[in-house]
Amino acid sequence: MNATPQLTVTQFINGKRSRVFEAWLKPELVMQWFSPENMTRLSFRTDAKVEGSYIHTMRSPDGIEYTTVGKYLEIVENEKIVFTWGKEGSADSVVTITLEDQDSGTLVTLTHAKLPEDLVTGHVAGWESALRNLEKFFKGDRA
């Protein structure tokens, strides 16, 4: 059996680890950055606890709406967030966010596993773009 594709991206964020952690889970913060740079964030609802769920909707420049859903599998305060990712009824891939102190900020490492091979390239670009938005948010640019 072939290994399931996995991707990993990292981004240095000029912000305290506790605030970066909150930016992943608090809807009022998530709505200020969580999408690729060319997308418009429409909504984010969450029950940010283990076994809790989230639903996130964004719109592409050509007007197509994308909704992602999932459940939180693990939350370690200020260190790690693990959640499923996908469309309603098929949220089978798993995203792991780890946060580490680095210099005066936080190194975010995002791993996305169990992703269909044909989606890996697009997701690498999307996650890199979203993490750039997170960095802009912490610079005060309000991505």
N, C-alpha and C. Protein backbone atom coordinates (compact mmCIF):
# COMPACT_ATOMS: atom_id res chain seq x y z
N MET A 1 0.84 -1.19 0.00
CA MET A 1 0.00 0.00 0.00
C MET A 1 0.88 1.24 0.00
N ASN A 2 0.56 2.22 -0.81
CA ASN A 2 1.32 3.46 -0.88
C ASN A 2 1.00 4.35 0.31
N ALA A 3 2.02 5.13 0.71
CA ALA A 3 1.81 6.08 1.80
C ALA A 3 0.86 7.18 1.32
N THR A 4 0.05 7.67 2.24
CA THR A 4 -0.85 8.77 1.92
C THR A 4 -0.05 10.06 1.86
N PRO A 5 -0.29 10.90 0.84
CA PRO A 5 0.46 12.15 0.72
C PRO A 5 0.32 13.04 1.96
N GLN A 6 1.40 13.74 2.23
CA GLN A 6 1.43 14.68 3.36
C GLN A 6 2.25 15.89 2.93
N LEU A 7 1.87 17.04 3.41
CA LEU A 7 2.63 18.25 3.12
C LEU A 7 2.97 18.94 4.43
N THR A 8 4.07 19.70 4.41
CA THR A 8 4.48 20.46 5.59
C THR A 8 4.93 21.84 5.13
N VAL A 9 4.41 22.88 5.78
CA VAL A 9 4.85 24.25 5.52
C VAL A 9 5.13 24.91 6.87
N THR A 10 6.05 25.87 6.86
CA THR A 10 6.39 26.59 8.08
C THR A 10 6.36 28.09 7.81
N GLN A 11 6.16 28.85 8.87
CA GLN A 11 6.15 30.31 8.76
C GLN A 11 6.54 30.89 10.12
N PHE A 12 7.48 31.81 10.10
CA PHE A 12 7.81 32.55 11.32
C PHE A 12 6.78 33.66 11.49
N ILE A 13 6.21 33.77 12.69
CA ILE A 13 5.23 34.79 13.01
C ILE A 13 5.81 35.69 14.09
N ASN A 14 5.78 36.98 13.87
CA ASN A 14 6.31 37.93 14.84
C ASN A 14 5.25 38.22 15.90
N GLY A 15 4.95 37.20 16.69
CA GLY A 15 3.96 37.34 17.74
C GLY A 15 4.18 36.29 18.81
N LYS A 16 3.71 36.56 20.00
CA LYS A 16 3.84 35.61 21.10
C LYS A 16 3.07 34.33 20.79
N ARG A 17 3.63 33.23 21.23
CA ARG A 17 3.02 31.93 20.97
C ARG A 17 1.58 31.86 21.48
N SER A 18 1.28 32.44 22.63
CA SER A 18 -0.08 32.39 23.17
C SER A 18 -1.06 33.13 22.26
N ARG A 19 -0.63 34.24 21.67
CA ARG A 19 -1.51 35.00 20.76
C ARG A 19 -1.67 34.28 19.43
N VAL A 20 -0.61 33.65 18.94
CA VAL A 20 -0.71 32.88 17.69
C VAL A 20 -1.68 31.72 17.90
N PHE A 21 -1.58 31.07 19.04
CA PHE A 21 -2.50 29.98 19.38
C PHE A 21 -3.95 30.48 19.34
N GLU A 22 -4.22 31.61 19.97
CA GLU A 22 -5.57 32.19 19.98
C GLU A 22 -6.04 32.53 18.56
N ALA A 23 -5.11 32.97 17.71
CA ALA A 23 -5.47 33.37 16.35
C ALA A 23 -6.00 32.20 15.53
N TRP A 24 -5.69 30.98 15.94
CA TRP A 24 -6.20 29.79 15.24
C TRP A 24 -7.58 29.36 15.73
N LEU A 25 -7.98 29.81 16.92
CA LEU A 25 -9.19 29.27 17.54
C LEU A 25 -10.30 30.29 17.82
N LYS A 26 -9.97 31.54 18.00
CA LYS A 26 -10.99 32.54 18.32
C LYS A 26 -11.57 33.12 17.03
N PRO A 27 -12.88 32.94 16.83
CA PRO A 27 -13.50 33.38 15.57
C PRO A 27 -13.20 34.83 15.18
N GLU A 28 -13.20 35.74 16.15
CA GLU A 28 -12.96 37.15 15.83
C GLU A 28 -11.54 37.38 15.33
N LEU A 29 -10.60 36.52 15.70
CA LEU A 29 -9.24 36.61 15.19
C LEU A 29 -9.08 35.83 13.89
N VAL A 30 -9.65 34.64 13.85
CA VAL A 30 -9.59 33.81 12.63
C VAL A 30 -10.12 34.58 11.43
N MET A 31 -11.20 35.31 11.62
CA MET A 31 -11.82 36.05 10.52
C MET A 31 -10.94 37.16 9.96
N GLN A 32 -9.88 37.50 10.66
CA GLN A 32 -9.00 38.56 10.19
C GLN A 32 -7.84 38.04 9.33
N TRP A 33 -7.66 36.71 9.26
CA TRP A 33 -6.51 36.22 8.49
C TRP A 33 -6.69 34.87 7.81
N PHE A 34 -7.58 34.00 8.27
CA PHE A 34 -7.56 32.59 7.86
C PHE A 34 -8.19 32.35 6.49
N SER A 35 -7.37 32.51 5.46
CA SER A 35 -7.71 32.16 4.09
C SER A 35 -6.48 32.44 3.24
N PRO A 36 -6.43 31.87 2.05
CA PRO A 36 -5.38 32.29 1.12
C PRO A 36 -5.55 33.78 0.82
N GLU A 37 -4.49 34.42 0.39
CA GLU A 37 -4.47 35.86 0.21
C GLU A 37 -5.51 36.38 -0.79
N ASN A 38 -5.88 35.59 -1.77
CA ASN A 38 -6.83 36.07 -2.79
C ASN A 38 -8.29 35.77 -2.44
N MET A 39 -8.54 35.17 -1.30
CA MET A 39 -9.90 34.78 -0.91
C MET A 39 -10.49 35.79 0.08
N THR A 40 -11.82 35.85 0.09
CA THR A 40 -12.55 36.68 1.05
C THR A 40 -13.13 35.77 2.12
N ARG A 41 -12.83 36.07 3.37
CA ARG A 41 -13.35 35.27 4.49
C ARG A 41 -14.80 35.67 4.74
N LEU A 42 -15.70 34.69 4.75
CA LEU A 42 -17.12 34.98 4.94
C LEU A 42 -17.60 34.64 6.34
N SER A 43 -17.17 33.49 6.87
CA SER A 43 -17.62 33.11 8.21
C SER A 43 -16.70 32.05 8.80
N PHE A 44 -16.68 32.01 10.13
CA PHE A 44 -15.95 30.97 10.86
C PHE A 44 -16.68 30.75 12.17
N ARG A 45 -17.20 29.55 12.34
CA ARG A 45 -17.86 29.17 13.59
C ARG A 45 -17.12 27.99 14.16
N THR A 46 -16.98 27.97 15.48
CA THR A 46 -16.21 26.91 16.10
C THR A 46 -16.69 26.59 17.51
N ASP A 47 -16.46 25.36 17.88
CA ASP A 47 -16.57 24.90 19.26
C ASP A 47 -15.18 24.35 19.55
N ALA A 48 -14.27 25.24 19.91
CA ALA A 48 -12.84 24.93 19.97
C ALA A 48 -12.48 24.11 21.21
N LYS A 49 -12.79 22.83 21.14
CA LYS A 49 -12.42 21.87 22.18
C LYS A 49 -12.28 20.51 21.48
N VAL A 50 -11.61 19.59 22.14
CA VAL A 50 -11.45 18.26 21.57
C VAL A 50 -12.83 17.66 21.33
N GLU A 51 -13.03 17.16 20.13
CA GLU A 51 -14.30 16.63 19.61
C GLU A 51 -15.28 17.73 19.20
N GLY A 52 -14.91 19.00 19.43
CA GLY A 52 -15.72 20.11 18.94
C GLY A 52 -15.49 20.26 17.44
N SER A 53 -16.36 21.02 16.79
CA SER A 53 -16.26 21.16 15.34
C SER A 53 -16.08 22.61 14.93
N TYR A 54 -15.75 22.80 13.66
CA TYR A 54 -15.67 24.14 13.08
C TYR A 54 -16.26 24.09 11.68
N ILE A 55 -16.64 25.24 11.18
CA ILE A 55 -17.08 25.40 9.79
C ILE A 55 -16.56 26.76 9.32
N HIS A 56 -15.91 26.74 8.17
CA HIS A 56 -15.25 27.94 7.65
C HIS A 56 -15.66 28.13 6.19
N THR A 57 -16.11 29.33 5.85
CA THR A 57 -16.53 29.62 4.48
C THR A 57 -15.77 30.83 3.95
N MET A 58 -15.28 30.70 2.73
CA MET A 58 -14.58 31.79 2.05
C MET A 58 -15.00 31.82 0.59
N ARG A 59 -14.72 32.96 -0.07
CA ARG A 59 -15.12 33.14 -1.47
C ARG A 59 -13.90 33.47 -2.32
N SER A 60 -13.82 32.83 -3.48
CA SER A 60 -12.73 33.08 -4.41
C SER A 60 -13.02 34.36 -5.20
N PRO A 61 -12.00 34.90 -5.88
CA PRO A 61 -12.22 36.11 -6.68
C PRO A 61 -13.28 35.94 -7.76
N ASP A 62 -13.50 34.72 -8.24
CA ASP A 62 -14.53 34.50 -9.26
C ASP A 62 -15.90 34.19 -8.67
N GLY A 63 -16.05 34.38 -7.35
CA GLY A 63 -17.36 34.28 -6.71
C GLY A 63 -17.76 32.90 -6.21
N ILE A 64 -16.87 31.92 -6.32
CA ILE A 64 -17.18 30.58 -5.83
C ILE A 64 -16.94 30.51 -4.32
N GLU A 65 -17.93 29.99 -3.59
CA GLU A 65 -17.79 29.84 -2.15
C GLU A 65 -17.27 28.44 -1.82
N TYR A 66 -16.34 28.40 -0.88
CA TYR A 66 -15.76 27.15 -0.41
C TYR A 66 -16.00 27.04 1.08
N THR A 67 -16.55 25.91 1.50
CA THR A 67 -16.79 25.67 2.91
C THR A 67 -15.98 24.46 3.34
N THR A 68 -15.25 24.63 4.42
CA THR A 68 -14.44 23.56 5.00
C THR A 68 -14.98 23.27 6.39
N VAL A 69 -15.04 21.99 6.72
CA VAL A 69 -15.52 21.57 8.04
C VAL A 69 -14.53 20.59 8.65
N GLY A 70 -14.65 20.42 9.96
CA GLY A 70 -13.81 19.43 10.62
C GLY A 70 -14.07 19.39 12.11
N LYS A 71 -13.33 18.50 12.76
CA LYS A 71 -13.41 18.34 14.21
C LYS A 71 -12.01 18.47 14.79
N TYR A 72 -11.96 19.00 15.99
CA TYR A 72 -10.69 19.09 16.70
C TYR A 72 -10.38 17.74 17.34
N LEU A 73 -9.18 17.23 17.05
CA LEU A 73 -8.75 15.94 17.59
C LEU A 73 -7.86 16.10 18.81
N GLU A 74 -7.09 17.20 18.83
CA GLU A 74 -6.17 17.45 19.94
C GLU A 74 -5.93 18.95 20.03
N ILE A 75 -5.95 19.46 21.25
CA ILE A 75 -5.63 20.87 21.50
C ILE A 75 -4.75 20.90 22.74
N VAL A 76 -3.51 21.33 22.57
CA VAL A 76 -2.58 21.52 23.68
C VAL A 76 -2.28 23.01 23.73
N GLU A 77 -2.75 23.66 24.77
CA GLU A 77 -2.68 25.12 24.84
C GLU A 77 -1.30 25.66 24.52
N ASN A 78 -1.28 26.60 23.58
CA ASN A 78 -0.08 27.32 23.15
C ASN A 78 0.98 26.44 22.48
N GLU A 79 0.64 25.17 22.16
CA GLU A 79 1.63 24.28 21.58
C GLU A 79 1.16 23.56 20.32
N LYS A 80 -0.08 23.07 20.31
CA LYS A 80 -0.47 22.18 19.22
C LYS A 80 -1.99 22.17 19.04
N ILE A 81 -2.40 22.14 17.76
CA ILE A 81 -3.81 22.00 17.41
C ILE A 81 -3.87 20.97 16.28
N VAL A 82 -4.72 19.96 16.45
CA VAL A 82 -4.90 18.94 15.42
C VAL A 82 -6.38 18.88 15.09
N PHE A 83 -6.70 18.96 13.78
CA PHE A 83 -8.09 18.93 13.37
C PHE A 83 -8.25 18.25 12.02
N THR A 84 -9.45 17.70 11.81
CA THR A 84 -9.74 17.13 10.49
C THR A 84 -10.09 18.28 9.56
N TRP A 85 -10.02 18.00 8.24
CA TRP A 85 -10.19 19.04 7.23
C TRP A 85 -10.86 18.43 6.02
N GLY A 86 -11.88 19.09 5.53
CA GLY A 86 -12.51 18.64 4.28
C GLY A 86 -13.87 19.26 4.09
N LYS A 87 -14.60 18.64 3.17
CA LYS A 87 -15.97 19.08 2.89
C LYS A 87 -16.91 18.27 3.77
N GLU A 88 -18.14 18.78 3.91
CA GLU A 88 -19.16 18.07 4.69
C GLU A 88 -19.23 16.63 4.21
N GLY A 89 -19.12 15.68 5.15
CA GLY A 89 -19.21 14.27 4.82
C GLY A 89 -17.90 13.64 4.38
N SER A 90 -16.85 14.45 4.18
CA SER A 90 -15.57 13.88 3.76
C SER A 90 -14.39 14.63 4.36
N ALA A 91 -14.49 14.96 5.63
CA ALA A 91 -13.40 15.65 6.33
C ALA A 91 -12.43 14.61 6.87
N ASP A 92 -11.71 13.96 5.94
CA ASP A 92 -10.86 12.83 6.31
C ASP A 92 -9.39 13.18 6.47
N SER A 93 -8.95 14.30 5.91
CA SER A 93 -7.54 14.65 6.06
C SER A 93 -7.33 15.31 7.42
N VAL A 94 -6.07 15.35 7.86
CA VAL A 94 -5.76 15.82 9.21
C VAL A 94 -4.68 16.90 9.15
N VAL A 95 -4.97 18.04 9.78
CA VAL A 95 -4.03 19.15 9.85
C VAL A 95 -3.50 19.23 11.28
N THR A 96 -2.16 19.33 11.39
CA THR A 96 -1.52 19.51 12.68
C THR A 96 -0.74 20.81 12.66
N ILE A 97 -1.03 21.66 13.63
CA ILE A 97 -0.34 22.94 13.80
C ILE A 97 0.51 22.81 15.05
N THR A 98 1.81 23.06 14.93
CA THR A 98 2.66 23.11 16.12
C THR A 98 3.26 24.50 16.21
N LEU A 99 3.40 24.98 17.45
CA LEU A 99 3.90 26.32 17.72
C LEU A 99 5.14 26.20 18.61
N GLU A 100 6.22 26.86 18.18
CA GLU A 100 7.46 26.84 18.96
C GLU A 100 8.00 28.25 19.08
N ASP A 101 8.51 28.58 20.28
CA ASP A 101 9.17 29.87 20.44
C ASP A 101 10.40 29.90 19.55
N GLN A 102 10.57 31.01 18.83
CA GLN A 102 11.77 31.20 18.02
C GLN A 102 12.10 32.68 18.01
N ASP A 103 13.34 32.99 18.38
CA ASP A 103 13.77 34.38 18.49
C ASP A 103 12.73 35.13 19.33
N SER A 104 12.15 36.19 18.81
CA SER A 104 11.16 36.94 19.58
C SER A 104 9.74 36.63 19.12
N GLY A 105 9.57 35.55 18.40
CA GLY A 105 8.25 35.22 17.87
C GLY A 105 7.95 33.73 17.96
N THR A 106 7.19 33.26 16.98
CA THR A 106 6.70 31.88 16.99
C THR A 106 6.92 31.25 15.63
N LEU A 107 7.46 30.04 15.64
CA LEU A 107 7.56 29.25 14.41
C LEU A 107 6.32 28.37 14.33
N VAL A 108 5.54 28.56 13.27
CA VAL A 108 4.35 27.75 13.03
C VAL A 108 4.73 26.68 12.01
N THR A 109 4.49 25.42 12.37
CA THR A 109 4.69 24.31 11.44
C THR A 109 3.33 23.67 11.22
N LEU A 110 2.93 23.60 9.97
CA LEU A 110 1.64 23.04 9.60
C LEU A 110 1.89 21.79 8.77
N THR A 111 1.33 20.67 9.20
CA THR A 111 1.40 19.42 8.47
C THR A 111 0.00 19.00 8.10
N HIS A 112 -0.21 18.69 6.84
CA HIS A 112 -1.54 18.25 6.37
C HIS A 112 -1.36 16.83 5.83
N ALA A 113 -1.97 15.87 6.49
CA ALA A 113 -1.82 14.45 6.16
C ALA A 113 -3.14 13.88 5.65
N LYS A 114 -3.03 12.72 5.02
CA LYS A 114 -4.19 11.98 4.49
C LYS A 114 -4.94 12.79 3.43
N LEU A 115 -4.19 13.59 2.69
CA LEU A 115 -4.75 14.44 1.65
C LEU A 115 -4.66 13.70 0.31
N PRO A 116 -5.73 13.67 -0.48
CA PRO A 116 -5.64 13.02 -1.79
C PRO A 116 -4.49 13.64 -2.61
N GLU A 117 -3.74 12.79 -3.27
CA GLU A 117 -2.53 13.22 -3.99
C GLU A 117 -2.79 14.37 -4.96
N ASP A 118 -3.93 14.35 -5.63
CA ASP A 118 -4.22 15.40 -6.61
C ASP A 118 -4.51 16.76 -5.96
N LEU A 119 -4.64 16.81 -4.64
CA LEU A 119 -4.91 18.07 -3.94
C LEU A 119 -3.70 18.66 -3.24
N VAL A 120 -2.59 17.92 -3.21
CA VAL A 120 -1.42 18.35 -2.44
C VAL A 120 -0.87 19.68 -2.94
N THR A 121 -0.60 19.81 -4.23
CA THR A 121 0.01 21.03 -4.76
C THR A 121 -0.82 22.27 -4.46
N GLY A 122 -2.13 22.19 -4.70
CA GLY A 122 -3.00 23.32 -4.42
C GLY A 122 -3.05 23.66 -2.94
N HIS A 123 -3.03 22.64 -2.10
CA HIS A 123 -3.06 22.89 -0.66
C HIS A 123 -1.75 23.47 -0.14
N VAL A 124 -0.62 23.07 -0.72
CA VAL A 124 0.65 23.69 -0.33
C VAL A 124 0.57 25.19 -0.58
N ALA A 125 0.15 25.57 -1.79
CA ALA A 125 0.03 27.00 -2.13
C ALA A 125 -0.98 27.70 -1.22
N GLY A 126 -2.11 27.07 -0.95
CA GLY A 126 -3.13 27.67 -0.09
C GLY A 126 -2.66 27.87 1.33
N TRP A 127 -2.01 26.85 1.90
CA TRP A 127 -1.53 26.97 3.28
C TRP A 127 -0.40 27.98 3.38
N GLU A 128 0.52 28.00 2.40
CA GLU A 128 1.58 29.01 2.43
C GLU A 128 0.99 30.41 2.39
N SER A 129 0.00 30.60 1.55
CA SER A 129 -0.66 31.90 1.43
C SER A 129 -1.39 32.27 2.72
N ALA A 130 -2.09 31.32 3.31
CA ALA A 130 -2.80 31.59 4.57
C ALA A 130 -1.82 31.95 5.68
N LEU A 131 -0.69 31.26 5.74
CA LEU A 131 0.30 31.58 6.78
C LEU A 131 0.94 32.94 6.54
N ARG A 132 1.07 33.35 5.28
CA ARG A 132 1.53 34.73 5.01
C ARG A 132 0.50 35.73 5.54
N ASN A 133 -0.78 35.41 5.38
CA ASN A 133 -1.83 36.27 5.94
C ASN A 133 -1.70 36.36 7.45
N LEU A 134 -1.41 35.24 8.09
CA LEU A 134 -1.23 35.25 9.55
C LEU A 134 -0.06 36.14 9.94
N GLU A 135 1.03 36.07 9.20
CA GLU A 135 2.19 36.93 9.48
C GLU A 135 1.81 38.40 9.29
N LYS A 136 1.07 38.72 8.22
CA LYS A 136 0.62 40.10 8.00
C LYS A 136 -0.28 40.57 9.15
N PHE A 137 -1.15 39.69 9.61
CA PHE A 137 -2.03 40.01 10.74
C PHE A 137 -1.20 40.43 11.96
N PHE A 138 -0.14 39.69 12.23
CA PHE A 138 0.69 40.01 13.40
C PHE A 138 1.59 41.21 13.17
N LYS A 139 1.82 41.58 11.93
CA LYS A 139 2.57 42.80 11.64
C LYS A 139 1.67 44.02 11.75
N GLY A 140 0.38 43.79 11.88
CA GLY A 140 -0.55 44.91 11.99
C GLY A 140 -1.15 45.32 10.66
N ASP A 141 -0.84 44.56 9.60
CA ASP A 141 -1.38 44.87 8.29
C ASP A 141 -2.86 44.47 8.16
N ARG A 142 -3.32 43.67 9.13
CA ARG A 142 -4.70 43.18 9.12
C ARG A 142 -5.05 42.55 7.77
N ALA A 143 -4.41 41.41 7.55
CA ALA A 143 -4.54 40.66 6.30
C ALA A 143 -5.97 40.53 5.85
